[in-house]
PDB file of all heavy atoms in Angstrom:
ATOM      1  N   ALA A   1      -8.433 -13.203 -17.091  1.00  0.00           N
ATOM      2  CA  ALA A   1      -8.353 -13.508 -15.664  1.00  0.00           C
ATOM      3  C   ALA A   1      -7.344 -12.627 -14.941  1.00  0.00           C
ATOM      4  O   ALA A   1      -7.430 -12.457 -13.714  1.00  0.00           O
ATOM      5  CB  ALA A   1      -7.987 -14.979 -15.476  1.00  0.00           C
ATOM      6  N   HIS A   2      -6.407 -12.078 -15.670  1.00  0.00           N
ATOM      7  CA  HIS A   2      -5.369 -11.241 -15.057  1.00  0.00           C
ATOM      8  C   HIS A   2      -5.766  -9.771 -14.978  1.00  0.00           C
ATOM      9  O   HIS A   2      -4.979  -8.945 -14.504  1.00  0.00           O
ATOM     10  CB  HIS A   2      -4.074 -11.363 -15.859  1.00  0.00           C
ATOM     11  CG  HIS A   2      -4.207 -10.990 -17.310  1.00  0.00           C
ATOM     12  ND1 HIS A   2      -5.162 -11.528 -18.133  1.00  0.00           N
ATOM     13  CD2 HIS A   2      -3.499 -10.118 -18.082  1.00  0.00           C
ATOM     14  CE1 HIS A   2      -5.040 -11.017 -19.351  1.00  0.00           C
ATOM     15  NE2 HIS A   2      -4.043 -10.161 -19.334  1.00  0.00           N
ATOM     16  N   GLY A   3      -6.984  -9.419 -15.414  1.00  0.00           N
ATOM     17  CA  GLY A   3      -7.307  -8.010 -15.582  1.00  0.00           C
ATOM     18  C   GLY A   3      -8.311  -7.431 -14.621  1.00  0.00           C
ATOM     19  O   GLY A   3      -8.586  -6.227 -14.676  1.00  0.00           O
ATOM     20  N   LEU A   4      -8.889  -8.227 -13.713  1.00  0.00           N
ATOM     21  CA  LEU A   4     -10.013  -7.738 -12.930  1.00  0.00           C
ATOM     22  C   LEU A   4      -9.637  -6.606 -11.983  1.00  0.00           C
ATOM     23  O   LEU A   4     -10.392  -5.646 -11.816  1.00  0.00           O
ATOM     24  CB  LEU A   4     -10.640  -8.895 -12.126  1.00  0.00           C
ATOM     25  CG  LEU A   4     -11.620  -9.800 -12.867  1.00  0.00           C
ATOM     26  CD1 LEU A   4     -11.025 -10.426 -14.111  1.00  0.00           C
ATOM     27  CD2 LEU A   4     -12.145 -10.883 -11.939  1.00  0.00           C
ATOM     28  N   VAL A   5      -8.481  -6.701 -11.348  1.00  0.00           N
ATOM     29  CA  VAL A   5      -8.065  -5.719 -10.341  1.00  0.00           C
ATOM     30  C   VAL A   5      -7.056  -4.759 -10.966  1.00  0.00           C
ATOM     31  O   VAL A   5      -6.120  -5.176 -11.643  1.00  0.00           O
ATOM     32  CB  VAL A   5      -7.462  -6.430  -9.115  1.00  0.00           C
ATOM     33  CG1 VAL A   5      -6.887  -5.418  -8.134  1.00  0.00           C
ATOM     34  CG2 VAL A   5      -8.521  -7.299  -8.444  1.00  0.00           C
ATOM     35  N   LYS A   6      -7.276  -3.474 -10.716  1.00  0.00           N
ATOM     36  CA  LYS A   6      -6.364  -2.439 -11.202  1.00  0.00           C
ATOM     37  C   LYS A   6      -5.563  -1.862 -10.027  1.00  0.00           C
ATOM     38  O   LYS A   6      -6.011  -1.898  -8.876  1.00  0.00           O
ATOM     39  CB  LYS A   6      -7.130  -1.311 -11.893  1.00  0.00           C
ATOM     40  CG  LYS A   6      -7.526  -1.599 -13.342  1.00  0.00           C
ATOM     41  CD  LYS A   6      -8.568  -2.667 -13.503  1.00  0.00           C
ATOM     42  CE  LYS A   6      -9.036  -2.832 -14.945  1.00  0.00           C
ATOM     43  NZ  LYS A   6      -9.991  -3.939 -15.109  1.00  0.00           N
ATOM     44  N   ALA A   7      -4.400  -1.312 -10.317  1.00  0.00           N
ATOM     45  CA  ALA A   7      -3.560  -0.729  -9.275  1.00  0.00           C
ATOM     46  C   ALA A   7      -4.245   0.480  -8.656  1.00  0.00           C
ATOM     47  O   ALA A   7      -4.909   1.261  -9.357  1.00  0.00           O
ATOM     48  CB  ALA A   7      -2.207  -0.330  -9.847  1.00  0.00           C
ATOM     49  N   PRO A   8      -4.104   0.673  -7.345  1.00  0.00           N
ATOM     50  CA  PRO A   8      -4.713   1.836  -6.698  1.00  0.00           C
ATOM     51  C   PRO A   8      -4.285   3.139  -7.360  1.00  0.00           C
ATOM     52  O   PRO A   8      -3.113   3.326  -7.698  1.00  0.00           O
ATOM     53  CB  PRO A   8      -4.191   1.741  -5.260  1.00  0.00           C
ATOM     54  CG  PRO A   8      -3.861   0.298  -5.060  1.00  0.00           C
ATOM     55  CD  PRO A   8      -3.381  -0.188  -6.396  1.00  0.00           C
ATOM     56  N   GLY A   9      -5.231   4.023  -7.561  1.00  0.00           N
ATOM     57  CA  GLY A   9      -4.934   5.319  -8.149  1.00  0.00           C
ATOM     58  C   GLY A   9      -4.871   5.326  -9.658  1.00  0.00           C
ATOM     59  O   GLY A   9      -4.753   6.381 -10.274  1.00  0.00           O
ATOM     60  N   LEU A  10      -4.929   4.167 -10.274  1.00  0.00           N
ATOM     61  CA  LEU A  10      -4.894   4.062 -11.748  1.00  0.00           C
ATOM     62  C   LEU A  10      -3.767   4.907 -12.338  1.00  0.00           C
ATOM     63  O   LEU A  10      -3.989   5.797 -13.162  1.00  0.00           O
ATOM     64  CB  LEU A  10      -6.244   4.492 -12.344  1.00  0.00           C
ATOM     65  CG  LEU A  10      -7.497   3.832 -11.769  1.00  0.00           C
ATOM     66  CD1 LEU A  10      -8.737   4.327 -12.514  1.00  0.00           C
ATOM     67  CD2 LEU A  10      -7.406   2.323 -11.836  1.00  0.00           C
ATOM     68  N   PRO A  11      -2.519   4.633 -11.961  1.00  0.00           N
ATOM     69  CA  PRO A  11      -1.402   5.465 -12.432  1.00  0.00           C
ATOM     70  C   PRO A  11      -1.179   5.334 -13.936  1.00  0.00           C
ATOM     71  O   PRO A  11      -1.499   4.317 -14.544  1.00  0.00           O
ATOM     72  CB  PRO A  11      -0.205   4.904 -11.665  1.00  0.00           C
ATOM     73  CG  PRO A  11      -0.583   3.490 -11.367  1.00  0.00           C
ATOM     74  CD  PRO A  11      -2.056   3.512 -11.127  1.00  0.00           C
ATOM     75  N   ASP A  12      -0.627   6.395 -14.517  1.00  0.00           N
ATOM     76  CA  ASP A  12      -0.267   6.359 -15.933  1.00  0.00           C
ATOM     77  C   ASP A  12       0.687   5.202 -16.202  1.00  0.00           C
ATOM     78  O   ASP A  12       1.438   4.759 -15.324  1.00  0.00           O
ATOM     79  CB  ASP A  12       0.414   7.671 -16.347  1.00  0.00           C
ATOM     80  CG  ASP A  12      -0.593   8.769 -16.662  1.00  0.00           C
ATOM     81  OD1 ASP A  12      -1.804   8.481 -16.640  1.00  0.00           O
ATOM     82  OD2 ASP A  12      -0.159   9.905 -16.908  1.00  0.00           O
ATOM     83  N   TRP A  13       0.664   4.748 -17.443  1.00  0.00           N
ATOM     84  CA  TRP A  13       1.531   3.642 -17.846  1.00  0.00           C
ATOM     85  C   TRP A  13       1.944   3.840 -19.288  1.00  0.00           C
ATOM     86  O   TRP A  13       1.113   3.934 -20.179  1.00  0.00           O
ATOM     87  CB  TRP A  13       0.796   2.306 -17.687  1.00  0.00           C
ATOM     88  CG  TRP A  13       1.531   1.126 -18.269  1.00  0.00           C
ATOM     89  CD1 TRP A  13       1.255   0.486 -19.433  1.00  0.00           C
ATOM     90  CD2 TRP A  13       2.653   0.463 -17.708  1.00  0.00           C
ATOM     91  NE1 TRP A  13       2.144  -0.554 -19.640  1.00  0.00           N
ATOM     92  CE2 TRP A  13       3.011  -0.585 -18.589  1.00  0.00           C
ATOM     93  CE3 TRP A  13       3.399   0.649 -16.541  1.00  0.00           C
ATOM     94  CZ2 TRP A  13       4.081  -1.437 -18.325  1.00  0.00           C
ATOM     95  CZ3 TRP A  13       4.459  -0.203 -16.289  1.00  0.00           C
ATOM     96  CH2 TRP A  13       4.789  -1.234 -17.172  1.00  0.00           C
ATOM     97  N   SER A  14       3.234   3.920 -19.516  1.00  0.00           N
ATOM     98  CA  SER A  14       3.747   4.088 -20.876  1.00  0.00           C
ATOM     99  C   SER A  14       4.583   2.910 -21.330  1.00  0.00           C
ATOM    100  O   SER A  14       5.141   2.933 -22.424  1.00  0.00           O
ATOM    101  CB  SER A  14       4.583   5.373 -20.973  1.00  0.00           C
ATOM    102  OG  SER A  14       3.781   6.503 -20.684  1.00  0.00           O
ATOM    103  N   GLY A  15       4.692   1.900 -20.507  1.00  0.00           N
ATOM    104  CA  GLY A  15       5.472   0.732 -20.883  1.00  0.00           C
ATOM    105  C   GLY A  15       4.671  -0.224 -21.737  1.00  0.00           C
ATOM    106  O   GLY A  15       3.469  -0.083 -21.927  1.00  0.00           O
ATOM    107  N   GLU A  16       5.360  -1.213 -22.255  1.00  0.00           N
ATOM    108  CA  GLU A  16       4.715  -2.271 -23.018  1.00  0.00           C
ATOM    109  C   GLU A  16       5.018  -3.598 -22.358  1.00  0.00           C
ATOM    110  O   GLU A  16       6.096  -3.806 -21.812  1.00  0.00           O
ATOM    111  CB  GLU A  16       5.200  -2.279 -24.474  1.00  0.00           C
ATOM    112  CG  GLU A  16       4.768  -1.037 -25.227  1.00  0.00           C
ATOM    113  CD  GLU A  16       4.930  -1.197 -26.720  1.00  0.00           C
ATOM    114  OE1 GLU A  16       5.235  -2.325 -27.160  1.00  0.00           O
ATOM    115  OE2 GLU A  16       4.760  -0.208 -27.429  1.00  0.00           O
ATOM    116  N   VAL A  17       4.053  -4.508 -22.402  1.00  0.00           N
ATOM    117  CA  VAL A  17       4.219  -5.813 -21.786  1.00  0.00           C
ATOM    118  C   VAL A  17       4.788  -6.777 -22.803  1.00  0.00           C
ATOM    119  O   VAL A  17       4.222  -6.959 -23.879  1.00  0.00           O
ATOM    120  CB  VAL A  17       2.872  -6.344 -21.271  1.00  0.00           C
ATOM    121  CG1 VAL A  17       3.057  -7.694 -20.615  1.00  0.00           C
ATOM    122  CG2 VAL A  17       2.258  -5.355 -20.304  1.00  0.00           C
ATOM    123  N   GLU A  18       5.908  -7.401 -22.476  1.00  0.00           N
ATOM    124  CA  GLU A  18       6.503  -8.419 -23.344  1.00  0.00           C
ATOM    125  C   GLU A  18       6.015  -9.778 -22.881  1.00  0.00           C
ATOM    126  O   GLU A  18       6.272 -10.191 -21.758  1.00  0.00           O
ATOM    127  CB  GLU A  18       8.031  -8.354 -23.276  1.00  0.00           C
ATOM    128  CG  GLU A  18       8.731  -9.413 -24.100  1.00  0.00           C
ATOM    129  CD  GLU A  18       8.346  -9.337 -25.551  1.00  0.00           C
ATOM    130  OE1 GLU A  18       8.588  -8.304 -26.181  1.00  0.00           O
ATOM    131  OE2 GLU A  18       7.780 -10.328 -26.043  1.00  0.00           O
ATOM    132  N   MET A  19       5.256 -10.476 -23.738  1.00  0.00           N
ATOM    133  CA  MET A  19       4.629 -11.722 -23.334  1.00  0.00           C
ATOM    134  C   MET A  19       5.401 -12.963 -23.775  1.00  0.00           C
ATOM    135  O   MET A  19       4.864 -14.047 -23.754  1.00  0.00           O
ATOM    136  CB  MET A  19       3.200 -11.789 -23.881  1.00  0.00           C
ATOM    137  CG  MET A  19       2.259 -10.834 -23.189  1.00  0.00           C
ATOM    138  SD  MET A  19       2.149 -11.160 -21.410  1.00  0.00           S
ATOM    139  CE  MET A  19       0.979  -9.892 -20.932  1.00  0.00           C
ATOM    140  N   VAL A  20       6.643 -12.789 -24.191  1.00  0.00           N
ATOM    141  CA  VAL A  20       7.437 -13.962 -24.544  1.00  0.00           C
ATOM    142  C   VAL A  20       7.964 -14.594 -23.267  1.00  0.00           C
ATOM    143  O   VAL A  20       8.597 -13.937 -22.456  1.00  0.00           O
ATOM    144  CB  VAL A  20       8.612 -13.577 -25.465  1.00  0.00           C
ATOM    145  CG1 VAL A  20       9.493 -14.783 -25.712  1.00  0.00           C
ATOM    146  CG2 VAL A  20       8.086 -13.025 -26.772  1.00  0.00           C
ATOM    147  N   GLU A  21       7.659 -15.873 -23.066  1.00  0.00           N
ATOM    148  CA  GLU A  21       8.074 -16.548 -21.848  1.00  0.00           C
ATOM    149  C   GLU A  21       9.590 -16.506 -21.702  1.00  0.00           C
ATOM    150  O   GLU A  21      10.351 -16.613 -22.660  1.00  0.00           O
ATOM    151  CB  GLU A  21       7.599 -18.000 -21.880  1.00  0.00           C
ATOM    152  CG  GLU A  21       8.113 -18.838 -20.740  1.00  0.00           C
ATOM    153  CD  GLU A  21       7.928 -18.185 -19.392  1.00  0.00           C
ATOM    154  OE1 GLU A  21       6.910 -17.525 -19.162  1.00  0.00           O
ATOM    155  OE2 GLU A  21       8.836 -18.309 -18.567  1.00  0.00           O
ATOM    156  N   GLY A  22       9.990 -16.318 -20.478  1.00  0.00           N
ATOM    157  CA  GLY A  22      11.411 -16.238 -20.173  1.00  0.00           C
ATOM    158  C   GLY A  22      11.867 -14.808 -19.991  1.00  0.00           C
ATOM    159  O   GLY A  22      12.921 -14.550 -19.459  1.00  0.00           O
ATOM    160  N   ALA A  23      11.017 -13.844 -20.452  1.00  0.00           N
ATOM    161  CA  ALA A  23      11.359 -12.447 -20.250  1.00  0.00           C
ATOM    162  C   ALA A  23      11.266 -12.100 -18.773  1.00  0.00           C
ATOM    163  O   ALA A  23      10.567 -12.721 -18.005  1.00  0.00           O
ATOM    164  CB  ALA A  23      10.407 -11.559 -21.057  1.00  0.00           C
ATOM    165  N   GLU A  24      11.984 -11.087 -18.380  1.00  0.00           N
ATOM    166  CA  GLU A  24      11.851 -10.587 -17.021  1.00  0.00           C
ATOM    167  C   GLU A  24      10.511  -9.873 -16.903  1.00  0.00           C
ATOM    168  O   GLU A  24       9.833  -9.611 -17.893  1.00  0.00           O
ATOM    169  CB  GLU A  24      13.003  -9.613 -16.711  1.00  0.00           C
ATOM    170  CG  GLU A  24      14.372 -10.253 -16.785  1.00  0.00           C
ATOM    171  CD  GLU A  24      14.527 -11.388 -15.788  1.00  0.00           C
ATOM    172  OE1 GLU A  24      14.018 -11.269 -14.661  1.00  0.00           O
ATOM    173  OE2 GLU A  24      15.143 -12.404 -16.146  1.00  0.00           O
ATOM    174  N   GLU A  25      10.123  -9.558 -15.675  1.00  0.00           N
ATOM    175  CA  GLU A  25       8.894  -8.799 -15.524  1.00  0.00           C
ATOM    176  C   GLU A  25       9.019  -7.503 -16.319  1.00  0.00           C
ATOM    177  O   GLU A  25      10.062  -6.850 -16.321  1.00  0.00           O
ATOM    178  CB  GLU A  25       8.644  -8.486 -14.048  1.00  0.00           C
ATOM    179  CG  GLU A  25       8.208  -9.707 -13.256  1.00  0.00           C
ATOM    180  CD  GLU A  25       7.679  -9.335 -11.896  1.00  0.00           C
ATOM    181  OE1 GLU A  25       7.639  -8.141 -11.596  1.00  0.00           O
ATOM    182  OE2 GLU A  25       7.306 -10.241 -11.145  1.00  0.00           O
ATOM    183  N   PRO A  26       7.945  -7.113 -17.016  1.00  0.00           N
ATOM    184  CA  PRO A  26       8.028  -5.942 -17.881  1.00  0.00           C
ATOM    185  C   PRO A  26       8.279  -4.676 -17.092  1.00  0.00           C
ATOM    186  O   PRO A  26       7.746  -4.485 -16.003  1.00  0.00           O
ATOM    187  CB  PRO A  26       6.643  -5.908 -18.545  1.00  0.00           C
ATOM    188  CG  PRO A  26       5.754  -6.673 -17.624  1.00  0.00           C
ATOM    189  CD  PRO A  26       6.621  -7.723 -17.011  1.00  0.00           C
ATOM    190  N   ALA A  27       9.121  -3.844 -17.636  1.00  0.00           N
ATOM    191  CA  ALA A  27       9.395  -2.557 -17.018  1.00  0.00           C
ATOM    192  C   ALA A  27       8.631  -1.485 -17.762  1.00  0.00           C
ATOM    193  O   ALA A  27       8.213  -1.656 -18.892  1.00  0.00           O
ATOM    194  CB  ALA A  27      10.899  -2.269 -17.062  1.00  0.00           C
ATOM    195  N   GLY A  28       8.449  -0.349 -17.127  1.00  0.00           N
ATOM    196  CA  GLY A  28       7.727   0.724 -17.791  1.00  0.00           C
ATOM    197  C   GLY A  28       8.064   2.048 -17.137  1.00  0.00           C
ATOM    198  O   GLY A  28       8.764   2.122 -16.133  1.00  0.00           O
ATOM    199  N   VAL A  29       7.568   3.122 -17.725  1.00  0.00           N
ATOM    200  CA  VAL A  29       7.763   4.443 -17.167  1.00  0.00           C
ATOM    201  C   VAL A  29       6.426   5.152 -17.109  1.00  0.00           C
ATOM    202  O   VAL A  29       5.512   4.867 -17.871  1.00  0.00           O
ATOM    203  CB  VAL A  29       8.750   5.276 -18.017  1.00  0.00           C
ATOM    204  CG1 VAL A  29      10.126   4.666 -17.964  1.00  0.00           C
ATOM    205  CG2 VAL A  29       8.277   5.375 -19.466  1.00  0.00           C
ATOM    206  N   THR A  30       6.300   6.054 -16.157  1.00  0.00           N
ATOM    207  CA  THR A  30       5.110   6.864 -16.077  1.00  0.00           C
ATOM    208  C   THR A  30       5.200   7.974 -17.105  1.00  0.00           C
ATOM    209  O   THR A  30       6.207   8.138 -17.796  1.00  0.00           O
ATOM    210  CB  THR A  30       4.961   7.458 -14.669  1.00  0.00           C
ATOM    211  OG1 THR A  30       6.139   8.185 -14.359  1.00  0.00           O
ATOM    212  CG2 THR A  30       4.785   6.348 -13.645  1.00  0.00           C
ATOM    213  N   ALA A  31       4.140   8.756 -17.215  1.00  0.00           N
ATOM    214  CA  ALA A  31       4.082   9.774 -18.266  1.00  0.00           C
ATOM    215  C   ALA A  31       5.212  10.790 -18.142  1.00  0.00           C
ATOM    216  O   ALA A  31       5.669  11.355 -19.138  1.00  0.00           O
ATOM    217  CB  ALA A  31       2.726  10.473 -18.231  1.00  0.00           C
ATOM    218  N   ASP A  32       5.664  11.059 -16.908  1.00  0.00           N
ATOM    219  CA  ASP A  32       6.724  12.054 -16.739  1.00  0.00           C
ATOM    220  C   ASP A  32       8.119  11.457 -16.872  1.00  0.00           C
ATOM    221  O   ASP A  32       9.121  12.134 -16.645  1.00  0.00           O
ATOM    222  CB  ASP A  32       6.583  12.758 -15.389  1.00  0.00           C
ATOM    223  CG  ASP A  32       6.755  11.806 -14.207  1.00  0.00           C
ATOM    224  OD1 ASP A  32       7.008  10.602 -14.441  1.00  0.00           O
ATOM    225  OD2 ASP A  32       6.636  12.269 -13.059  1.00  0.00           O
ATOM    226  N   GLY A  33       8.202  10.180 -17.226  1.00  0.00           N
ATOM    227  CA  GLY A  33       9.493   9.558 -17.460  1.00  0.00           C
ATOM    228  C   GLY A  33      10.082   8.870 -16.254  1.00  0.00           C
ATOM    229  O   GLY A  33      11.149   8.278 -16.344  1.00  0.00           O
ATOM    230  N   SER A  34       9.398   8.911 -15.112  1.00  0.00           N
ATOM    231  CA  SER A  34       9.920   8.249 -13.921  1.00  0.00           C
ATOM    232  C   SER A  34       9.614   6.758 -13.979  1.00  0.00           C
ATOM    233  O   SER A  34       8.720   6.328 -14.702  1.00  0.00           O
ATOM    234  CB  SER A  34       9.290   8.865 -12.663  1.00  0.00           C
ATOM    235  OG  SER A  34       7.880   8.731 -12.711  1.00  0.00           O
ATOM    236  N   PRO A  35      10.356   5.950 -13.221  1.00  0.00           N
ATOM    237  CA  PRO A  35      10.109   4.503 -13.277  1.00  0.00           C
ATOM    238  C   PRO A  35       8.670   4.168 -12.895  1.00  0.00           C
ATOM    239  O   PRO A  35       8.102   4.764 -11.985  1.00  0.00           O
ATOM    240  CB  PRO A  35      11.106   3.944 -12.248  1.00  0.00           C
ATOM    241  CG  PRO A  35      12.170   4.987 -12.160  1.00  0.00           C
ATOM    242  CD  PRO A  35      11.483   6.307 -12.365  1.00  0.00           C
ATOM    243  N   GLY A  36       8.118   3.225 -13.613  1.00  0.00           N
ATOM    244  CA  GLY A  36       6.734   2.842 -13.367  1.00  0.00           C
ATOM    245  C   GLY A  36       6.642   1.523 -12.629  1.00  0.00           C
ATOM    246  O   GLY A  36       7.622   1.003 -12.107  1.00  0.00           O
ATOM    247  N   HIS A  37       5.442   0.992 -12.557  1.00  0.00           N
ATOM    248  CA  HIS A  37       5.221  -0.297 -11.914  1.00  0.00           C
ATOM    249  C   HIS A  37       5.995  -1.389 -12.652  1.00  0.00           C
ATOM    250  O   HIS A  37       6.192  -1.327 -13.855  1.00  0.00           O
ATOM    251  CB  HIS A  37       3.729  -0.633 -11.934  1.00  0.00           C
ATOM    252  CG  HIS A  37       2.924   0.178 -10.975  1.00  0.00           C
ATOM    253  ND1 HIS A  37       2.318  -0.373  -9.878  1.00  0.00           N
ATOM    254  CD2 HIS A  37       2.620   1.500 -10.941  1.00  0.00           C
ATOM    255  CE1 HIS A  37       1.665   0.572  -9.209  1.00  0.00           C
ATOM    256  NE2 HIS A  37       1.832   1.699  -9.840  1.00  0.00           N
ATOM    257  N   ALA A  38       6.404  -2.401 -11.917  1.00  0.00           N
ATOM    258  CA  ALA A  38       7.078  -3.529 -12.549  1.00  0.00           C
ATOM    259  C   ALA A  38       6.130  -4.257 -13.482  1.00  0.00           C
ATOM    260  O   ALA A  38       6.561  -4.888 -14.424  1.00  0.00           O
ATOM    261  CB  ALA A  38       7.628  -4.476 -11.491  1.00  0.00           C
ATOM    262  N   ARG A  39       4.844  -4.170 -13.198  1.00  0.00           N
ATOM    263  CA  ARG A  39       3.819  -4.764 -14.053  1.00  0.00           C
ATOM    264  C   ARG A  39       2.841  -3.677 -14.440  1.00  0.00           C
ATOM    265  O   ARG A  39       2.643  -2.715 -13.697  1.00  0.00           O
ATOM    266  CB  ARG A  39       3.092  -5.892 -13.311  1.00  0.00           C
ATOM    267  CG  ARG A  39       3.966  -7.103 -13.026  1.00  0.00           C
ATOM    268  CD  ARG A  39       3.195  -8.184 -12.290  1.00  0.00           C
ATOM    269  NE  ARG A  39       2.626  -7.721 -11.032  1.00  0.00           N
ATOM    270  CZ  ARG A  39       3.322  -7.563  -9.912  1.00  0.00           C
ATOM    271  NH1 ARG A  39       4.618  -7.810  -9.894  1.00  0.00           N
ATOM    272  NH2 ARG A  39       2.735  -7.168  -8.806  1.00  0.00           N
ATOM    273  N   PRO A  40       2.168  -3.824 -15.576  1.00  0.00           N
ATOM    274  CA  PRO A  40       1.193  -2.812 -15.969  1.00  0.00           C
ATOM    275  C   PRO A  40       0.124  -2.668 -14.890  1.00  0.00           C
ATOM    276  O   PRO A  40      -0.345  -3.672 -14.337  1.00  0.00           O
ATOM    277  CB  PRO A  40       0.594  -3.376 -17.255  1.00  0.00           C
ATOM    278  CG  PRO A  40       1.610  -4.343 -17.770  1.00  0.00           C
ATOM    279  CD  PRO A  40       2.285  -4.907 -16.564  1.00  0.00           C
ATOM    280  N   PRO A  41      -0.283  -1.471 -14.563  1.00  0.00           N
ATOM    281  CA  PRO A  41      -1.227  -1.271 -13.456  1.00  0.00           C
ATOM    282  C   PRO A  41      -2.627  -1.788 -13.743  1.00  0.00           C
ATOM    283  O   PRO A  41      -3.446  -1.878 -12.827  1.00  0.00           O
ATOM    284  CB  PRO A  41      -1.226   0.249 -13.263  1.00  0.00           C
ATOM    285  CG  PRO A  41      -0.772   0.801 -14.568  1.00  0.00           C
ATOM    286  CD  PRO A  41       0.203  -0.191 -15.126  1.00  0.00           C
ATOM    287  N   MET A  42      -2.874  -2.161 -14.981  1.00  0.00           N
ATOM    288  CA  MET A  42      -4.205  -2.689 -15.315  1.00  0.00           C
ATOM    289  C   MET A  42      -4.240  -4.215 -15.379  1.00  0.00           C
ATOM    290  O   MET A  42      -5.309  -4.793 -15.560  1.00  0.00           O
ATOM    291  CB  MET A  42      -4.696  -2.099 -16.640  1.00  0.00           C
ATOM    292  CG  MET A  42      -3.981  -2.576 -17.889  1.00  0.00           C
ATOM    293  SD  MET A  42      -2.259  -1.968 -18.077  1.00  0.00           S
ATOM    294  CE  MET A  42      -2.532  -0.215 -18.359  1.00  0.00           C
ATOM    295  N   PHE A  43      -3.090  -4.880 -15.225  1.00  0.00           N
ATOM    296  CA  PHE A  43      -3.039  -6.334 -15.368  1.00  0.00           C
ATOM    297  C   PHE A  43      -2.202  -6.988 -14.278  1.00  0.00           C
ATOM    298  O   PHE A  43      -1.241  -6.405 -13.771  1.00  0.00           O
ATOM    299  CB  PHE A  43      -2.459  -6.717 -16.733  1.00  0.00           C
ATOM    300  CG  PHE A  43      -3.348  -6.379 -17.907  1.00  0.00           C
ATOM    301  CD1 PHE A  43      -2.820  -5.750 -19.026  1.00  0.00           C
ATOM    302  CD2 PHE A  43      -4.696  -6.686 -17.886  1.00  0.00           C
ATOM    303  CE1 PHE A  43      -3.639  -5.437 -20.104  1.00  0.00           C
ATOM    304  CE2 PHE A  43      -5.515  -6.368 -18.958  1.00  0.00           C
ATOM    305  CZ  PHE A  43      -4.994  -5.754 -20.071  1.00  0.00           C
ATOM    306  N   ASP A  44      -2.556  -8.235 -13.951  1.00  0.00           N
ATOM    307  CA  ASP A  44      -1.779  -9.108 -13.074  1.00  0.00           C
ATOM    308  C   ASP A  44      -1.495  -8.478 -11.714  1.00  0.00           C
ATOM    309  O   ASP A  44      -0.392  -8.599 -11.177  1.00  0.00           O
ATOM    310  CB  ASP A  44      -0.476  -9.526 -13.765  1.00  0.00           C
ATOM    311  CG  ASP A  44       0.208 -10.691 -13.052  1.00  0.00           C
ATOM    312  OD1 ASP A  44      -0.510 -11.499 -12.428  1.00  0.00           O
ATOM    313  OD2 ASP A  44       1.456 -10.784 -13.127  1.00  0.00           O
ATOM    314  N   GLN A  45      -2.484  -7.819 -11.165  1.00  0.00           N
ATOM    315  CA  GLN A  45      -2.349  -7.276  -9.813  1.00  0.00           C
ATOM    316  C   GLN A  45      -2.628  -8.389  -8.792  1.00  0.00           C
ATOM    317  O   GLN A  45      -3.453  -9.280  -9.012  1.00  0.00           O
ATOM    318  CB  GLN A  45      -3.317  -6.109  -9.612  1.00  0.00           C
ATOM    319  CG  GLN A  45      -3.099  -4.953 -10.568  1.00  0.00           C
ATOM    320  CD  GLN A  45      -1.716  -4.342 -10.428  1.00  0.00           C
ATOM    321  OE1 GLN A  45      -1.337  -3.875  -9.348  1.00  0.00           O
ATOM    322  NE2 GLN A  45      -0.951  -4.335 -11.518  1.00  0.00           N
ATOM    323  N   ASP A  46      -1.955  -8.317  -7.664  1.00  0.00           N
ATOM    324  CA  ASP A  46      -2.041  -9.406  -6.696  1.00  0.00           C
ATOM    325  C   ASP A  46      -3.458  -9.620  -6.173  1.00  0.00           C
ATOM    326  O   ASP A  46      -3.813 -10.727  -5.748  1.00  0.00           O
ATOM    327  CB  ASP A  46      -1.087  -9.142  -5.528  1.00  0.00           C
ATOM    328  CG  ASP A  46       0.381  -9.291  -5.928  1.00  0.00           C
ATOM    329  OD1 ASP A  46       0.643  -9.925  -6.972  1.00  0.00           O
ATOM    330  OD2 ASP A  46       1.248  -8.778  -5.204  1.00  0.00           O
TER     331      ASP A  46
END
């Protein structure tokens, strides 16, 4: 249910999603090492 909508532009994603409750929103980096979306661009989009 969290996967239907993808982030515009389908940006690269090199982070990993931590699914243990209580964790902060997962952080990630793009392929060039710059900060990525707070959430994976393929999941949990508004």
